[in-house]
Amino acid sequence: MSSLYDVSEMLKQARRDANLSQEAIASRAGGRVTFNSGAHGNIG
């Protein structure tokens, strides 16, 4: 079973692989962007 942190990292990597910003993902999803420093202080 994957932890929430693992899933978060997989999603960030998929976004990077697709060359999409958080803004682009949110726009396509029809939502708004919120930035979260995460459990380890990383922004991404």
PDB file of N, CA and C in Angstrom:
ATOM      1  N   MET A   1       0.849  -1.180   0.000  1.00  0.00           N
ATOM      2  CA  MET A   1       0.000   0.000   0.000  1.00  0.00           C
ATOM      3  C   MET A   1       0.892   1.240   0.000  1.00  0.00           C
ATOM      4  N   SER A   2       0.526   2.216  -0.796  1.00  0.00           N
ATOM      5  CA  SER A   2       1.279   3.463  -0.881  1.00  0.00           C
ATOM      6  C   SER A   2       0.797   4.441   0.178  1.00  0.00           C
ATOM      7  N   SER A   3       1.730   5.192   0.718  1.00  0.00           N
ATOM      8  CA  SER A   3       1.353   6.230   1.670  1.00  0.00           C
ATOM      9  C   SER A   3       0.882   7.460   0.896  1.00  0.00           C
ATOM     10  N   LEU A   4       0.244   8.371   1.590  1.00  0.00           N
ATOM     11  CA  LEU A   4      -0.207   9.611   0.966  1.00  0.00           C
ATOM     12  C   LEU A   4       0.976  10.365   0.374  1.00  0.00           C
ATOM     13  N   TYR A   5       2.103  10.349   1.073  1.00  0.00           N
ATOM     14  CA  TYR A   5       3.311  11.016   0.570  1.00  0.00           C
ATOM     15  C   TYR A   5       3.755  10.373  -0.743  1.00  0.00           C
ATOM     16  N   ASP A   6       3.756   9.051  -0.821  1.00  0.00           N
ATOM     17  CA  ASP A   6       4.164   8.355  -2.044  1.00  0.00           C
ATOM     18  C   ASP A   6       3.258   8.728  -3.217  1.00  0.00           C
ATOM     19  N   VAL A   7       1.956   8.764  -2.970  1.00  0.00           N
ATOM     20  CA  VAL A   7       1.007   9.116  -4.016  1.00  0.00           C
ATOM     21  C   VAL A   7       1.240  10.548  -4.476  1.00  0.00           C
ATOM     22  N   SER A   8       1.474  11.436  -3.533  1.00  0.00           N
ATOM     23  CA  SER A   8       1.756  12.826  -3.868  1.00  0.00           C
ATOM     24  C   SER A   8       2.991  12.947  -4.752  1.00  0.00           C
ATOM     25  N   GLU A   9       4.025  12.217  -4.402  1.00  0.00           N
ATOM     26  CA  GLU A   9       5.258  12.250  -5.202  1.00  0.00           C
ATOM     27  C   GLU A   9       5.026  11.680  -6.599  1.00  0.00           C
ATOM     28  N   MET A  10       4.225  10.626  -6.707  1.00  0.00           N
ATOM     29  CA  MET A  10       3.926  10.054  -8.023  1.00  0.00           C
ATOM     30  C   MET A  10       3.165  11.046  -8.893  1.00  0.00           C
ATOM     31  N   LEU A  11       2.209  11.762  -8.287  1.00  0.00           N
ATOM     32  CA  LEU A  11       1.447  12.753  -9.039  1.00  0.00           C
ATOM     33  C   LEU A  11       2.333  13.907  -9.485  1.00  0.00           C
ATOM     34  N   LYS A  12       3.227  14.362  -8.607  1.00  0.00           N
ATOM     35  CA  LYS A  12       4.147  15.442  -8.986  1.00  0.00           C
ATOM     36  C   LYS A  12       5.058  15.007 -10.125  1.00  0.00           C
ATOM     37  N   GLN A  13       5.534  13.772 -10.072  1.00  0.00           N
ATOM     38  CA  GLN A  13       6.412  13.282 -11.133  1.00  0.00           C
ATOM     39  C   GLN A  13       5.653  13.166 -12.456  1.00  0.00           C
ATOM     40  N   ALA A  14       4.419  12.705 -12.402  1.00  0.00           N
ATOM     41  CA  ALA A  14       3.616  12.600 -13.620  1.00  0.00           C
ATOM     42  C   ALA A  14       3.385  13.979 -14.222  1.00  0.00           C
ATOM     43  N   ARG A  15       3.136  14.977 -13.368  1.00  0.00           N
ATOM     44  CA  ARG A  15       2.941  16.352 -13.848  1.00  0.00           C
ATOM     45  C   ARG A  15       4.209  16.864 -14.514  1.00  0.00           C
ATOM     46  N   ARG A  16       5.359  16.594 -13.889  1.00  0.00           N
ATOM     47  CA  ARG A  16       6.637  17.018 -14.474  1.00  0.00           C
ATOM     48  C   ARG A  16       6.880  16.308 -15.808  1.00  0.00           C
ATOM     49  N   ASP A  17       6.617  15.012 -15.854  1.00  0.00           N
ATOM     50  CA  ASP A  17       6.816  14.239 -17.082  1.00  0.00           C
ATOM     51  C   ASP A  17       5.956  14.777 -18.223  1.00  0.00           C
ATOM     52  N   ALA A  18       4.776  15.279 -17.895  1.00  0.00           N
ATOM     53  CA  ALA A  18       3.866  15.818 -18.902  1.00  0.00           C
ATOM     54  C   ALA A  18       4.144  17.292 -19.182  1.00  0.00           C
ATOM     55  N   ASN A  19       5.134  17.866 -18.502  1.00  0.00           N
ATOM     56  CA  ASN A  19       5.479  19.288 -18.664  1.00  0.00           C
ATOM     57  C   ASN A  19       4.292  20.208 -18.403  1.00  0.00           C
ATOM     58  N   LEU A  20       3.554  19.911 -17.343  1.00  0.00           N
ATOM     59  CA  LEU A  20       2.408  20.728 -16.973  1.00  0.00           C
ATOM     60  C   LEU A  20       2.651  21.385 -15.623  1.00  0.00           C
ATOM     61  N   SER A  21       2.282  22.653 -15.514  1.00  0.00           N
ATOM     62  CA  SER A  21       2.384  23.351 -14.238  1.00  0.00           C
ATOM     63  C   SER A  21       1.155  23.037 -13.385  1.00  0.00           C
ATOM     64  N   GLN A  22       1.230  23.390 -12.115  1.00  0.00           N
ATOM     65  CA  GLN A  22       0.061  23.222 -11.257  1.00  0.00           C
ATOM     66  C   GLN A  22      -1.088  24.068 -11.783  1.00  0.00           C
ATOM     67  N   GLU A  23      -0.759  25.250 -12.311  1.00  0.00           N
ATOM     68  CA  GLU A  23      -1.785  26.126 -12.866  1.00  0.00           C
ATOM     69  C   GLU A  23      -2.482  25.466 -14.053  1.00  0.00           C
ATOM     70  N   ALA A  24      -1.706  24.816 -14.932  1.00  0.00           N
ATOM     71  CA  ALA A  24      -2.288  24.148 -16.097  1.00  0.00           C
ATOM     72  C   ALA A  24      -3.185  22.991 -15.680  1.00  0.00           C
ATOM     73  N   ILE A  25      -2.742  22.231 -14.695  1.00  0.00           N
ATOM     74  CA  ILE A  25      -3.563  21.111 -14.201  1.00  0.00           C
ATOM     75  C   ILE A  25      -4.876  21.640 -13.634  1.00  0.00           C
ATOM     76  N   ALA A  26      -4.790  22.684 -12.814  1.00  0.00           N
ATOM     77  CA  ALA A  26      -5.991  23.249 -12.196  1.00  0.00           C
ATOM     78  C   ALA A  26      -6.933  23.813 -13.252  1.00  0.00           C
ATOM     79  N   SER A  27      -6.375  24.479 -14.246  1.00  0.00           N
ATOM     80  CA  SER A  27      -7.194  25.051 -15.312  1.00  0.00           C
ATOM     81  C   SER A  27      -7.937  23.959 -16.058  1.00  0.00           C
ATOM     82  N   ARG A  28      -7.240  22.881 -16.371  1.00  0.00           N
ATOM     83  CA  ARG A  28      -7.867  21.770 -17.090  1.00  0.00           C
ATOM     84  C   ARG A  28      -8.925  21.088 -16.229  1.00  0.00           C
ATOM     85  N   ALA A  29      -8.709  21.098 -14.924  1.00  0.00           N
ATOM     86  CA  ALA A  29      -9.655  20.455 -14.009  1.00  0.00           C
ATOM     87  C   ALA A  29     -10.802  21.385 -13.633  1.00  0.00           C
ATOM     88  N   GLY A  30     -10.679  22.665 -14.016  1.00  0.00           N
ATOM     89  CA  GLY A  30     -11.719  23.626 -13.699  1.00  0.00           C
ATOM     90  C   GLY A  30     -11.664  24.105 -12.264  1.00  0.00           C
ATOM     91  N   GLY A  31     -10.520  23.921 -11.621  1.00  0.00           N
ATOM     92  CA  GLY A  31     -10.385  24.328 -10.219  1.00  0.00           C
ATOM     93  C   GLY A  31      -9.438  25.483 -10.062  1.00  0.00           C
ATOM     94  N   ARG A  32      -9.086  25.732  -8.826  1.00  0.00           N
ATOM     95  CA  ARG A  32      -8.120  26.782  -8.554  1.00  0.00           C
ATOM     96  C   ARG A  32      -6.888  26.164  -7.920  1.00  0.00           C
ATOM     97  N   VAL A  33      -5.792  26.872  -8.023  1.00  0.00           N
ATOM     98  CA  VAL A  33      -4.517  26.366  -7.517  1.00  0.00           C
ATOM     99  C   VAL A  33      -4.334  26.790  -6.074  1.00  0.00           C
ATOM    100  N   THR A  34      -3.935  25.836  -5.256  1.00  0.00           N
ATOM    101  CA  THR A  34      -3.491  26.159  -3.908  1.00  0.00           C
ATOM    102  C   THR A  34      -2.118  25.559  -3.742  1.00  0.00           C
ATOM    103  N   PHE A  35      -1.216  26.329  -3.190  1.00  0.00           N
ATOM    104  CA  PHE A  35       0.134  25.847  -3.002  1.00  0.00           C
ATOM    105  C   PHE A  35       0.290  25.349  -1.586  1.00  0.00           C
ATOM    106  N   ASN A  36       0.881  24.184  -1.459  1.00  0.00           N
ATOM    107  CA  ASN A  36       1.036  23.522  -0.182  1.00  0.00           C
ATOM    108  C   ASN A  36       2.506  23.171  -0.021  1.00  0.00           C
ATOM    109  N   SER A  37       3.076  23.520   1.125  1.00  0.00           N
ATOM    110  CA  SER A  37       4.492  23.235   1.326  1.00  0.00           C
ATOM    111  C   SER A  37       4.735  21.756   1.588  1.00  0.00           C
ATOM    112  N   GLY A  38       3.697  21.015   1.892  1.00  0.00           N
ATOM    113  CA  GLY A  38       3.831  19.579   2.091  1.00  0.00           C
ATOM    114  C   GLY A  38       4.519  19.239   3.397  1.00  0.00           C
ATOM    115  N   ALA A  39       4.666  17.962   3.631  1.00  0.00           N
ATOM    116  CA  ALA A  39       5.209  17.473   4.887  1.00  0.00           C
ATOM    117  C   ALA A  39       6.690  17.765   5.036  1.00  0.00           C
ATOM    118  N   HIS A  40       7.382  17.975   3.916  1.00  0.00           N
ATOM    119  CA  HIS A  40       8.834  18.149   3.972  1.00  0.00           C
ATOM    120  C   HIS A  40       9.271  19.544   3.551  1.00  0.00           C
ATOM    121  N   GLY A  41       8.339  20.489   3.492  1.00  0.00           N
ATOM    122  CA  GLY A  41       8.698  21.860   3.155  1.00  0.00           C
ATOM    123  C   GLY A  41       9.010  22.075   1.689  1.00  0.00           C
ATOM    124  N   ASN A  42       8.641  21.132   0.836  1.00  0.00           N
ATOM    125  CA  ASN A  42       8.911  21.262  -0.593  1.00  0.00           C
ATOM    126  C   ASN A  42       7.710  21.881  -1.283  1.00  0.00           C
ATOM    127  N   ILE A  43       7.974  22.786  -2.178  1.00  0.00           N
ATOM    128  CA  ILE A  43       6.909  23.345  -2.997  1.00  0.00           C
ATOM    129  C   ILE A  43       7.061  22.759  -4.381  1.00  0.00           C
ATOM    130  N   GLY A  44       6.010  22.236  -4.912  1.00  0.00           N
ATOM    131  CA  GLY A  44       6.119  21.647  -6.227  1.00  0.00           C
ATOM    132  C   GLY A  44       4.821  21.199  -6.664  1.00  0.00           C
TER     133      GLY A  44
END
